[in-house]
Amino acid sequence: MSSLPLPIGIYNPVHGLGSHARRKPWIVQSSALKLNLNTTNSPPLSRREAVGIGFCFSLVQFLHPRTDAAAAAPDTCEYTEAPSGLAFCDKAIGAGPQPAKGLLIKAHYIGRLPDGKVFDSSYNRGKPLTFRVGVGEVIKGWDDGILGGEGIPPMLPGGKRKLKIPPALGYGMRGAGCRGGSCIIPPDSVLFFDVEFIGKA
């Protein structure tokens, strides 16, 4: 059903002439309300009244929009922290063989700063990142977060994991994307990543 903010009224006028003419029921619908009224004893709505009713329903939906339960639910992911300070939380485990050091893999990701600001996303580019895992092509927090170790299980193809990466396993004191005194990733930043391990490239 459409949720366009347009008047939603359907009126079937009287058909035929004379005393045998019968009125058909009219229906006013919205995604939250459905009225089916028989108009045999009430006068038909004017166009202005139908538009007004539609406007009122639209205004109510605009002022009190429905929220998606998944979007409204708080993030219930509890991080488990390794001795290195790297923390993880699995959203989906995945299945299949675990990656070996040096394997060329594909992964989608969203990177955020502690304030929630997104600094990078492979989803926005429409293409996953391809790299050799465990050989330093990405920050150490990524290598360790995907390969596992220190109590962190390895990711499996199809797995989705949240990573909380301390500065020592991220970009450290230098930060990243620095130009003219400002940095996309400020020095000593804790980084938050949503990683989707697609599998072998």
N, C-alpha and C. Protein backbone atom coordinates (compact mmCIF):
# COMPACT_ATOMS: atom_id res chain seq x y z
N MET A 1 0.84 -1.17 0.00
CA MET A 1 0.00 0.00 0.00
C MET A 1 0.88 1.23 0.00
N SER A 2 0.52 2.20 -0.76
CA SER A 2 1.32 3.42 -0.89
C SER A 2 1.27 4.24 0.38
N SER A 3 2.38 4.87 0.71
CA SER A 3 2.40 5.77 1.86
C SER A 3 2.63 7.20 1.41
N LEU A 4 2.20 7.51 0.19
CA LEU A 4 2.35 8.86 -0.33
C LEU A 4 1.45 9.81 0.44
N PRO A 5 1.90 11.03 0.69
CA PRO A 5 1.08 11.98 1.42
C PRO A 5 0.04 12.64 0.53
N LEU A 6 -0.80 11.84 -0.08
CA LEU A 6 -1.86 12.34 -0.96
C LEU A 6 -3.19 11.92 -0.38
N PRO A 7 -4.23 12.65 -0.70
CA PRO A 7 -5.54 12.24 -0.21
C PRO A 7 -5.91 10.86 -0.72
N ILE A 8 -6.47 10.05 0.16
CA ILE A 8 -6.81 8.69 -0.21
C ILE A 8 -8.30 8.51 -0.01
N GLY A 9 -9.09 8.84 -0.98
CA GLY A 9 -10.52 8.68 -0.86
C GLY A 9 -11.09 8.13 -2.15
N ILE A 10 -11.97 7.16 -2.06
CA ILE A 10 -12.61 6.59 -3.24
C ILE A 10 -14.11 6.73 -3.02
N TYR A 11 -14.78 7.36 -3.97
CA TYR A 11 -16.22 7.55 -3.85
C TYR A 11 -16.87 7.07 -5.12
N ASN A 12 -17.84 6.20 -4.98
CA ASN A 12 -18.60 5.73 -6.12
C ASN A 12 -19.93 6.47 -6.13
N PRO A 13 -20.16 7.34 -7.10
CA PRO A 13 -21.40 8.13 -7.13
C PRO A 13 -22.60 7.27 -7.46
N VAL A 14 -23.77 7.87 -7.30
CA VAL A 14 -25.03 7.20 -7.60
C VAL A 14 -25.10 6.95 -9.10
N HIS A 15 -25.41 5.71 -9.47
CA HIS A 15 -25.55 5.37 -10.88
C HIS A 15 -27.02 5.15 -11.18
N GLY A 16 -27.46 5.61 -12.30
CA GLY A 16 -28.85 5.43 -12.68
C GLY A 16 -29.71 6.59 -12.21
N LEU A 17 -30.96 6.59 -12.58
CA LEU A 17 -31.87 7.67 -12.24
C LEU A 17 -33.08 7.11 -11.54
N GLY A 18 -33.83 8.01 -10.91
CA GLY A 18 -35.09 7.63 -10.31
C GLY A 18 -34.93 7.08 -8.90
N SER A 19 -36.08 6.59 -8.38
CA SER A 19 -36.11 6.14 -6.99
C SER A 19 -35.40 4.81 -6.78
N HIS A 20 -35.11 4.09 -7.87
CA HIS A 20 -34.45 2.79 -7.74
C HIS A 20 -32.93 2.91 -7.73
N ALA A 21 -32.43 4.12 -7.80
CA ALA A 21 -30.97 4.29 -7.79
C ALA A 21 -30.43 3.89 -6.43
N ARG A 22 -29.32 3.18 -6.43
CA ARG A 22 -28.71 2.72 -5.17
C ARG A 22 -27.32 3.31 -5.06
N ARG A 23 -26.97 3.66 -3.87
CA ARG A 23 -25.63 4.17 -3.61
C ARG A 23 -24.72 3.01 -3.22
N LYS A 24 -23.49 3.08 -3.69
CA LYS A 24 -22.52 2.04 -3.36
C LYS A 24 -21.67 2.50 -2.18
N PRO A 25 -21.14 1.58 -1.42
CA PRO A 25 -20.32 1.99 -0.28
C PRO A 25 -19.06 2.68 -0.75
N TRP A 26 -18.55 3.59 0.09
CA TRP A 26 -17.27 4.24 -0.21
C TRP A 26 -16.26 3.80 0.84
N ILE A 27 -15.01 3.85 0.47
CA ILE A 27 -13.95 3.36 1.34
C ILE A 27 -12.88 4.43 1.45
N VAL A 28 -12.47 4.70 2.67
CA VAL A 28 -11.32 5.57 2.91
C VAL A 28 -10.26 4.67 3.53
N GLN A 29 -9.07 4.65 2.93
CA GLN A 29 -8.03 3.77 3.42
C GLN A 29 -6.77 4.55 3.73
N SER A 30 -6.08 4.09 4.72
CA SER A 30 -4.70 4.50 4.96
C SER A 30 -4.00 3.26 5.48
N SER A 31 -2.68 3.32 5.63
CA SER A 31 -1.96 2.14 6.08
C SER A 31 -2.33 1.76 7.51
N ALA A 32 -2.89 2.69 8.27
CA ALA A 32 -3.22 2.40 9.66
C ALA A 32 -4.72 2.25 9.90
N LEU A 33 -5.57 2.69 8.96
CA LEU A 33 -7.00 2.76 9.22
C LEU A 33 -7.76 2.35 7.97
N LYS A 34 -8.82 1.58 8.14
CA LYS A 34 -9.67 1.21 7.01
C LYS A 34 -11.11 1.36 7.46
N LEU A 35 -11.85 2.21 6.77
CA LEU A 35 -13.26 2.43 7.07
C LEU A 35 -14.08 1.97 5.87
N ASN A 36 -15.12 1.22 6.13
CA ASN A 36 -16.03 0.81 5.08
C ASN A 36 -17.42 1.19 5.56
N LEU A 37 -17.91 2.29 5.04
CA LEU A 37 -19.19 2.82 5.50
C LEU A 37 -20.24 2.70 4.41
N ASN A 38 -21.40 2.22 4.78
CA ASN A 38 -22.51 2.15 3.85
C ASN A 38 -23.18 3.52 3.84
N THR A 39 -23.33 4.09 2.68
CA THR A 39 -23.83 5.47 2.58
C THR A 39 -25.31 5.55 2.27
N THR A 40 -26.08 4.51 2.55
CA THR A 40 -27.50 4.55 2.21
C THR A 40 -28.24 5.61 3.01
N ASN A 41 -27.78 5.91 4.24
CA ASN A 41 -28.47 6.89 5.07
C ASN A 41 -27.70 8.18 5.25
N SER A 42 -26.55 8.33 4.61
CA SER A 42 -25.78 9.56 4.79
C SER A 42 -25.47 10.17 3.43
N PRO A 43 -25.36 11.49 3.39
CA PRO A 43 -25.08 12.15 2.11
C PRO A 43 -23.65 11.86 1.66
N PRO A 44 -23.41 11.88 0.36
CA PRO A 44 -22.05 11.62 -0.14
C PRO A 44 -21.10 12.75 0.26
N LEU A 45 -19.84 12.41 0.33
CA LEU A 45 -18.81 13.41 0.64
C LEU A 45 -18.58 14.31 -0.55
N SER A 46 -18.34 15.55 -0.26
CA SER A 46 -17.94 16.45 -1.34
C SER A 46 -16.46 16.22 -1.61
N ARG A 47 -16.01 16.69 -2.73
CA ARG A 47 -14.59 16.55 -3.08
C ARG A 47 -13.71 17.22 -2.02
N ARG A 48 -14.13 18.38 -1.55
CA ARG A 48 -13.37 19.12 -0.54
C ARG A 48 -13.26 18.30 0.76
N GLU A 49 -14.35 17.64 1.16
CA GLU A 49 -14.31 16.82 2.38
C GLU A 49 -13.38 15.62 2.21
N ALA A 50 -13.43 14.98 1.04
CA ALA A 50 -12.55 13.83 0.79
C ALA A 50 -11.09 14.24 0.81
N VAL A 51 -10.78 15.38 0.20
CA VAL A 51 -9.41 15.89 0.22
C VAL A 51 -8.99 16.21 1.65
N GLY A 52 -9.88 16.80 2.42
CA GLY A 52 -9.58 17.13 3.82
C GLY A 52 -9.29 15.90 4.65
N ILE A 53 -10.09 14.85 4.47
CA ILE A 53 -9.86 13.60 5.20
C ILE A 53 -8.52 13.01 4.81
N GLY A 54 -8.24 12.98 3.53
CA GLY A 54 -6.95 12.46 3.08
C GLY A 54 -5.79 13.25 3.64
N PHE A 55 -5.93 14.57 3.68
CA PHE A 55 -4.88 15.42 4.23
C PHE A 55 -4.67 15.12 5.71
N CYS A 56 -5.76 14.94 6.45
CA CYS A 56 -5.65 14.64 7.89
C CYS A 56 -4.92 13.32 8.13
N PHE A 57 -5.27 12.28 7.36
CA PHE A 57 -4.58 10.99 7.51
C PHE A 57 -3.10 11.13 7.18
N SER A 58 -2.79 11.87 6.12
CA SER A 58 -1.39 12.07 5.74
C SER A 58 -0.63 12.83 6.82
N LEU A 59 -1.26 13.83 7.39
CA LEU A 59 -0.62 14.63 8.44
C LEU A 59 -0.34 13.77 9.67
N VAL A 60 -1.28 12.92 10.04
CA VAL A 60 -1.08 12.03 11.19
C VAL A 60 0.09 11.09 10.93
N GLN A 61 0.17 10.52 9.73
CA GLN A 61 1.27 9.62 9.41
C GLN A 61 2.60 10.36 9.37
N PHE A 62 2.59 11.59 8.94
CA PHE A 62 3.83 12.38 8.90
C PHE A 62 4.31 12.71 10.31
N LEU A 63 3.37 13.09 11.18
CA LEU A 63 3.75 13.48 12.54
C LEU A 63 4.08 12.29 13.43
N HIS A 64 3.52 11.13 13.13
CA HIS A 64 3.79 9.92 13.91
C HIS A 64 4.19 8.79 12.97
N PRO A 65 5.38 8.89 12.36
CA PRO A 65 5.77 7.84 11.42
C PRO A 65 6.04 6.53 12.13
N ARG A 66 5.81 5.46 11.43
CA ARG A 66 6.14 4.15 11.97
C ARG A 66 7.64 3.97 11.90
N THR A 67 8.18 3.29 12.88
CA THR A 67 9.62 3.03 12.85
C THR A 67 9.84 1.55 12.63
N ASP A 68 10.84 1.24 11.87
CA ASP A 68 11.21 -0.14 11.64
C ASP A 68 11.76 -0.70 12.96
N ALA A 69 11.26 -1.84 13.38
CA ALA A 69 11.68 -2.40 14.67
C ALA A 69 13.18 -2.64 14.72
N ALA A 70 13.77 -3.07 13.61
CA ALA A 70 15.22 -3.32 13.59
C ALA A 70 15.99 -2.02 13.72
N ALA A 71 15.51 -0.97 13.06
CA ALA A 71 16.22 0.31 13.13
C ALA A 71 16.05 0.95 14.49
N ALA A 72 14.91 0.74 15.13
CA ALA A 72 14.66 1.37 16.42
C ALA A 72 15.35 0.63 17.56
N ALA A 73 15.64 -0.65 17.37
CA ALA A 73 16.27 -1.43 18.43
C ALA A 73 17.72 -0.99 18.62
N PRO A 74 18.14 -0.84 19.87
CA PRO A 74 19.53 -0.46 20.10
C PRO A 74 20.47 -1.60 19.74
N ASP A 75 21.71 -1.24 19.45
CA ASP A 75 22.71 -2.24 19.10
C ASP A 75 23.04 -3.04 20.35
N THR A 76 22.72 -4.32 20.34
CA THR A 76 22.90 -5.16 21.52
C THR A 76 24.19 -5.97 21.47
N CYS A 77 25.10 -5.59 20.62
CA CYS A 77 26.35 -6.33 20.45
C CYS A 77 27.28 -6.06 21.64
N GLU A 78 27.68 -7.11 22.34
CA GLU A 78 28.63 -6.98 23.45
C GLU A 78 30.00 -7.39 22.96
N TYR A 79 30.95 -6.49 23.09
CA TYR A 79 32.31 -6.75 22.63
C TYR A 79 33.05 -7.65 23.62
N THR A 80 33.87 -8.54 23.06
CA THR A 80 34.81 -9.35 23.83
C THR A 80 36.19 -8.82 23.51
N GLU A 81 36.96 -8.47 24.53
CA GLU A 81 38.26 -7.83 24.31
C GLU A 81 39.41 -8.81 24.51
N ALA A 82 40.35 -8.78 23.57
CA ALA A 82 41.57 -9.59 23.64
C ALA A 82 42.62 -8.83 24.45
N PRO A 83 43.68 -9.50 24.91
CA PRO A 83 44.74 -8.81 25.65
C PRO A 83 45.37 -7.63 24.89
N SER A 84 45.35 -7.68 23.56
CA SER A 84 45.93 -6.59 22.75
C SER A 84 45.08 -5.33 22.77
N GLY A 85 43.84 -5.43 23.26
CA GLY A 85 42.91 -4.30 23.24
C GLY A 85 41.93 -4.39 22.10
N LEU A 86 42.17 -5.28 21.14
CA LEU A 86 41.23 -5.50 20.04
C LEU A 86 39.98 -6.16 20.60
N ALA A 87 38.83 -5.62 20.25
CA ALA A 87 37.56 -6.18 20.72
C ALA A 87 36.70 -6.55 19.51
N PHE A 88 35.89 -7.59 19.67
CA PHE A 88 35.04 -8.04 18.57
C PHE A 88 33.68 -8.44 19.09
N CYS A 89 32.74 -8.46 18.16
CA CYS A 89 31.39 -8.94 18.43
C CYS A 89 30.86 -9.51 17.13
N ASP A 90 30.50 -10.78 17.13
CA ASP A 90 29.99 -11.43 15.92
C ASP A 90 28.50 -11.18 15.78
N LYS A 91 28.10 -10.67 14.60
CA LYS A 91 26.69 -10.48 14.26
C LYS A 91 26.17 -11.68 13.48
N ALA A 92 27.06 -12.32 12.71
CA ALA A 92 26.74 -13.55 11.98
C ALA A 92 28.04 -14.34 11.89
N ILE A 93 27.98 -15.63 12.15
CA ILE A 93 29.20 -16.45 12.21
C ILE A 93 29.73 -16.82 10.83
N GLY A 94 28.89 -17.15 9.90
CA GLY A 94 29.35 -17.60 8.59
C GLY A 94 29.63 -19.10 8.60
N ALA A 95 30.11 -19.61 7.48
CA ALA A 95 30.40 -21.05 7.35
C ALA A 95 31.47 -21.24 6.29
N GLY A 96 32.16 -22.35 6.37
CA GLY A 96 33.19 -22.64 5.38
C GLY A 96 34.57 -22.58 5.99
N PRO A 97 35.59 -22.67 5.14
CA PRO A 97 36.97 -22.71 5.64
C PRO A 97 37.43 -21.35 6.17
N GLN A 98 38.20 -21.39 7.25
CA GLN A 98 38.76 -20.15 7.78
C GLN A 98 39.90 -19.69 6.89
N PRO A 99 40.14 -18.39 6.82
CA PRO A 99 41.19 -17.89 5.93
C PRO A 99 42.59 -18.21 6.48
N ALA A 100 43.51 -18.46 5.56
CA ALA A 100 44.90 -18.70 5.92
C ALA A 100 45.69 -17.42 5.68
N LYS A 101 46.76 -17.24 6.43
CA LYS A 101 47.62 -16.07 6.27
C LYS A 101 48.11 -16.00 4.83
N GLY A 102 47.99 -14.82 4.21
CA GLY A 102 48.43 -14.61 2.84
C GLY A 102 47.35 -14.86 1.79
N LEU A 103 46.19 -15.39 2.21
CA LEU A 103 45.10 -15.67 1.27
C LEU A 103 44.50 -14.36 0.76
N LEU A 104 44.22 -14.29 -0.54
CA LEU A 104 43.57 -13.13 -1.14
C LEU A 104 42.07 -13.25 -0.85
N ILE A 105 41.54 -12.27 -0.12
CA ILE A 105 40.13 -12.34 0.29
C ILE A 105 39.40 -11.06 -0.12
N LYS A 106 38.05 -11.12 0.00
CA LYS A 106 37.19 -9.96 -0.24
C LYS A 106 36.38 -9.70 1.03
N ALA A 107 36.26 -8.41 1.36
CA ALA A 107 35.46 -8.04 2.53
C ALA A 107 34.82 -6.67 2.30
N HIS A 108 33.59 -6.56 2.73
CA HIS A 108 32.91 -5.26 2.77
C HIS A 108 33.08 -4.70 4.17
N TYR A 109 33.03 -3.38 4.29
CA TYR A 109 33.21 -2.78 5.61
C TYR A 109 32.62 -1.37 5.67
N ILE A 110 32.36 -0.95 6.90
CA ILE A 110 32.03 0.43 7.22
C ILE A 110 32.93 0.81 8.38
N GLY A 111 33.68 1.91 8.24
CA GLY A 111 34.57 2.37 9.30
C GLY A 111 34.00 3.63 9.95
N ARG A 112 34.00 3.64 11.29
CA ARG A 112 33.45 4.77 12.04
C ARG A 112 34.44 5.26 13.09
N LEU A 113 34.34 6.53 13.40
CA LEU A 113 35.08 7.12 14.51
C LEU A 113 34.26 6.94 15.79
N PRO A 114 34.84 7.20 16.97
CA PRO A 114 34.09 7.02 18.22
C PRO A 114 32.79 7.83 18.29
N ASP A 115 32.72 8.96 17.59
CA ASP A 115 31.48 9.76 17.60
C ASP A 115 30.42 9.23 16.63
N GLY A 116 30.72 8.11 15.95
CA GLY A 116 29.78 7.50 15.02
C GLY A 116 29.91 7.97 13.60
N LYS A 117 30.78 8.95 13.34
CA LYS A 117 30.96 9.47 11.98
C LYS A 117 31.62 8.42 11.10
N VAL A 118 31.00 8.15 9.94
CA VAL A 118 31.56 7.19 8.98
C VAL A 118 32.68 7.87 8.22
N PHE A 119 33.87 7.26 8.24
CA PHE A 119 34.99 7.82 7.49
C PHE A 119 35.27 7.05 6.21
N ASP A 120 34.76 5.83 6.09
CA ASP A 120 34.96 5.05 4.87
C ASP A 120 33.96 3.91 4.83
N SER A 121 33.54 3.54 3.61
CA SER A 121 32.61 2.43 3.43
C SER A 121 32.77 1.83 2.04
N SER A 122 33.04 0.54 2.00
CA SER A 122 33.11 -0.14 0.70
C SER A 122 31.73 -0.28 0.08
N TYR A 123 30.69 -0.30 0.91
CA TYR A 123 29.32 -0.39 0.40
C TYR A 123 28.99 0.83 -0.45
N ASN A 124 29.46 2.00 -0.01
CA ASN A 124 29.21 3.23 -0.77
C ASN A 124 29.88 3.19 -2.13
N ARG A 125 31.01 2.51 -2.22
CA ARG A 125 31.70 2.37 -3.51
C ARG A 125 31.11 1.25 -4.35
N GLY A 126 30.32 0.39 -3.73
CA GLY A 126 29.69 -0.72 -4.46
C GLY A 126 30.65 -1.84 -4.80
N LYS A 127 31.78 -1.91 -4.10
CA LYS A 127 32.78 -2.93 -4.41
C LYS A 127 33.52 -3.29 -3.12
N PRO A 128 33.63 -4.59 -2.81
CA PRO A 128 34.36 -4.98 -1.60
C PRO A 128 35.86 -4.74 -1.74
N LEU A 129 36.53 -4.66 -0.61
CA LEU A 129 37.98 -4.51 -0.57
C LEU A 129 38.60 -5.89 -0.80
N THR A 130 39.59 -5.96 -1.68
CA THR A 130 40.33 -7.20 -1.94
C THR A 130 41.75 -7.01 -1.44
N PHE A 131 42.22 -7.93 -0.60
CA PHE A 131 43.57 -7.82 -0.04
C PHE A 131 44.04 -9.19 0.45
N ARG A 132 45.35 -9.29 0.67
CA ARG A 132 45.94 -10.50 1.25
C ARG A 132 45.92 -10.33 2.76
N VAL A 133 45.24 -11.21 3.43
CA VAL A 133 45.05 -11.09 4.87
C VAL A 133 46.29 -11.58 5.63
N GLY A 134 46.64 -10.85 6.67
CA GLY A 134 47.72 -11.28 7.56
C GLY A 134 49.12 -10.90 7.14
N VAL A 135 49.26 -10.13 6.05
CA VAL A 135 50.61 -9.77 5.58
C VAL A 135 50.84 -8.26 5.60
N GLY A 136 50.01 -7.53 6.31
CA GLY A 136 50.23 -6.10 6.49
C GLY A 136 49.69 -5.20 5.39
N GLU A 137 48.82 -5.72 4.52
CA GLU A 137 48.22 -4.87 3.49
C GLU A 137 47.13 -3.96 4.06
N VAL A 138 46.63 -4.31 5.23
CA VAL A 138 45.64 -3.50 5.94
C VAL A 138 46.15 -3.29 7.37
N ILE A 139 45.45 -2.49 8.16
CA ILE A 139 45.90 -2.26 9.53
C ILE A 139 45.87 -3.58 10.32
N LYS A 140 46.72 -3.65 11.34
CA LYS A 140 46.88 -4.89 12.11
C LYS A 140 45.57 -5.32 12.77
N GLY A 141 44.77 -4.37 13.21
CA GLY A 141 43.49 -4.71 13.81
C GLY A 141 42.58 -5.48 12.87
N TRP A 142 42.66 -5.17 11.59
CA TRP A 142 41.89 -5.91 10.59
C TRP A 142 42.44 -7.32 10.42
N ASP A 143 43.77 -7.42 10.23
CA ASP A 143 44.37 -8.75 10.07
C ASP A 143 44.03 -9.65 11.25
N ASP A 144 44.23 -9.13 12.47
CA ASP A 144 43.95 -9.94 13.67
C ASP A 144 42.46 -10.20 13.84
N GLY A 145 41.63 -9.24 13.48
CA GLY A 145 40.18 -9.40 13.62
C GLY A 145 39.59 -10.41 12.66
N ILE A 146 40.25 -10.63 11.52
CA ILE A 146 39.76 -11.61 10.54
C ILE A 146 40.41 -12.97 10.75
N LEU A 147 41.75 -12.99 10.93
CA LEU A 147 42.46 -14.27 11.12
C LEU A 147 42.23 -14.87 12.50
N GLY A 148 41.97 -14.01 13.49
CA GLY A 148 41.78 -14.49 14.85
C GLY A 148 43.10 -14.61 15.60
N GLY A 149 43.01 -15.06 16.83
CA GLY A 149 44.15 -15.20 17.72
C GLY A 149 43.89 -14.47 19.02
N GLU A 150 44.63 -14.81 20.07
CA GLU A 150 44.47 -14.20 21.40
C GLU A 150 43.02 -14.31 21.90
N GLY A 151 42.39 -15.42 21.66
CA GLY A 151 41.02 -15.61 22.11
C GLY A 151 39.96 -15.15 21.13
N ILE A 152 40.38 -14.59 20.01
CA ILE A 152 39.43 -14.16 18.97
C ILE A 152 39.35 -15.26 17.92
N PRO A 153 38.16 -15.80 17.66
CA PRO A 153 38.04 -16.84 16.64
C PRO A 153 38.20 -16.24 15.24
N PRO A 154 38.69 -17.04 14.28
CA PRO A 154 38.79 -16.52 12.91
C PRO A 154 37.40 -16.32 12.31
N MET A 155 37.31 -15.35 11.40
CA MET A 155 36.05 -15.15 10.68
C MET A 155 35.90 -16.24 9.62
N LEU A 156 34.68 -16.59 9.32
CA LEU A 156 34.37 -17.56 8.27
C LEU A 156 33.62 -16.85 7.15
N PRO A 157 33.71 -17.37 5.92
CA PRO A 157 33.00 -16.73 4.80
C PRO A 157 31.52 -16.52 5.12
N GLY A 158 31.04 -15.33 4.82
CA GLY A 158 29.66 -14.97 5.13
C GLY A 158 29.48 -14.38 6.51
N GLY A 159 30.54 -14.38 7.31
CA GLY A 159 30.47 -13.86 8.66
C GLY A 159 30.44 -12.34 8.69
N LYS A 160 29.79 -11.81 9.71
CA LYS A 160 29.73 -10.36 9.93
C LYS A 160 30.19 -10.09 11.35
N ARG A 161 31.16 -9.19 11.48
CA ARG A 161 31.77 -8.93 12.78
C ARG A 161 31.97 -7.44 12.98
N LYS A 162 31.75 -7.02 14.21
CA LYS A 162 32.07 -5.65 14.61
C LYS A 162 33.43 -5.69 15.29
N LEU A 163 34.30 -4.76 14.91
CA LEU A 163 35.63 -4.67 15.51
C LEU A 163 35.80 -3.31 16.16
N LYS A 164 36.38 -3.31 17.34
CA LYS A 164 36.78 -2.08 18.03
C LYS A 164 38.30 -2.14 18.11
N ILE A 165 38.95 -1.27 17.34
CA ILE A 165 40.40 -1.35 17.16
C ILE A 165 41.08 -0.21 17.91
N PRO A 166 41.98 -0.55 18.85
CA PRO A 166 42.70 0.50 19.58
C PRO A 166 43.71 1.18 18.66
N PRO A 167 44.16 2.39 19.01
CA PRO A 167 45.09 3.12 18.15
C PRO A 167 46.34 2.33 17.78
N ALA A 168 46.87 1.52 18.71
CA ALA A 168 48.09 0.76 18.44
C ALA A 168 47.91 -0.25 17.31
N LEU A 169 46.68 -0.70 17.07
CA LEU A 169 46.41 -1.67 16.00
C LEU A 169 45.73 -0.99 14.81
N GLY A 170 45.62 0.34 14.88
CA GLY A 170 45.01 1.11 13.80
C GLY A 170 46.03 2.02 13.15
N TYR A 171 45.77 3.33 13.22
CA TYR A 171 46.67 4.30 12.59
C TYR A 171 47.56 5.03 13.60
N GLY A 172 47.43 4.69 14.88
CA GLY A 172 48.33 5.19 15.90
C GLY A 172 48.40 6.70 16.00
N MET A 173 49.62 7.18 16.31
CA MET A 173 49.83 8.62 16.53
C MET A 173 49.78 9.43 15.25
N ARG A 174 49.96 8.79 14.11
CA ARG A 174 50.00 9.55 12.85
C ARG A 174 48.61 9.86 12.29
N GLY A 175 47.60 9.08 12.65
CA GLY A 175 46.28 9.27 12.07
C GLY A 175 46.29 8.86 10.60
N ALA A 176 45.29 9.28 9.86
CA ALA A 176 45.22 8.95 8.43
C ALA A 176 44.45 10.03 7.69
N GLY A 177 44.80 10.22 6.43
CA GLY A 177 44.12 11.21 5.59
C GLY A 177 44.38 12.62 6.06
N CYS A 178 45.57 12.86 6.60
CA CYS A 178 45.90 14.19 7.13
C CYS A 178 46.38 15.11 6.02
N ARG A 179 45.82 16.31 6.01
CA ARG A 179 46.21 17.32 5.03
C ARG A 179 45.85 18.69 5.58
N GLY A 180 46.81 19.58 5.56
CA GLY A 180 46.55 20.96 6.00
C GLY A 180 46.16 21.08 7.46
N GLY A 181 46.65 20.21 8.30
CA GLY A 181 46.37 20.31 9.73
C GLY A 181 45.14 19.56 10.21
N SER A 182 44.35 18.99 9.30
CA SER A 182 43.20 18.20 9.72
C SER A 182 43.32 16.79 9.15
N CYS A 183 42.73 15.83 9.85
CA CYS A 183 42.83 14.42 9.46
C CYS A 183 41.44 13.81 9.35
N ILE A 184 41.26 12.94 8.37
CA ILE A 184 40.02 12.18 8.29
C ILE A 184 39.91 11.27 9.51
N ILE A 185 41.03 10.60 9.85
CA ILE A 185 41.12 9.81 11.07
C ILE A 185 42.14 10.50 11.97
N PRO A 186 41.70 11.16 13.02
CA PRO A 186 42.63 11.89 13.89
C PRO A 186 43.64 10.95 14.56
N PRO A 187 44.80 11.47 14.95
CA PRO A 187 45.79 10.65 15.67
C PRO A 187 45.18 10.05 16.94
N ASP A 188 45.65 8.85 17.28
CA ASP A 188 45.24 8.13 18.50
C ASP A 188 43.74 7.85 18.55
N SER A 189 43.15 7.58 17.40
CA SER A 189 41.70 7.28 17.35
C SER A 189 41.43 5.80 17.54
N VAL A 190 40.44 5.50 18.36
CA VAL A 190 39.86 4.16 18.41
C VAL A 190 38.95 4.06 17.20
N LEU A 191 39.02 2.96 16.47
CA LEU A 191 38.23 2.79 15.25
C LEU A 191 37.20 1.69 15.44
N PHE A 192 36.04 1.89 14.84
CA PHE A 192 34.97 0.89 14.88
C PHE A 192 34.66 0.47 13.45
N PHE A 193 34.71 -0.83 13.20
CA PHE A 193 34.44 -1.36 11.87
C PHE A 193 33.33 -2.40 11.92
N ASP A 194 32.45 -2.35 10.93
CA ASP A 194 31.53 -3.45 10.64
C ASP A 194 32.15 -4.16 9.45
N VAL A 195 32.56 -5.41 9.63
CA VAL A 195 33.24 -6.16 8.58
C VAL A 195 32.37 -7.33 8.14
N GLU A 196 32.19 -7.46 6.84
CA GLU A 196 31.50 -8.62 6.25
C GLU A 196 32.52 -9.38 5.42
N PHE A 197 32.93 -10.55 5.90
CA PHE A 197 33.93 -11.37 5.21
C PHE A 197 33.21 -12.16 4.11
N ILE A 198 33.43 -11.75 2.88
CA ILE A 198 32.75 -12.40 1.75
C ILE A 198 33.37 -13.76 1.45
N GLY A 199 34.70 -13.82 1.47
CA GLY A 199 35.39 -15.08 1.23
C GLY A 199 36.60 -14.88 0.35
N LYS A 200 37.06 -15.97 -0.19
CA LYS A 200 38.25 -15.97 -1.05
C LYS A 200 37.97 -15.17 -2.32
N ALA A 201 38.96 -14.37 -2.73
CA ALA A 201 38.80 -13.54 -3.94
C ALA A 201 39.09 -14.34 -5.19
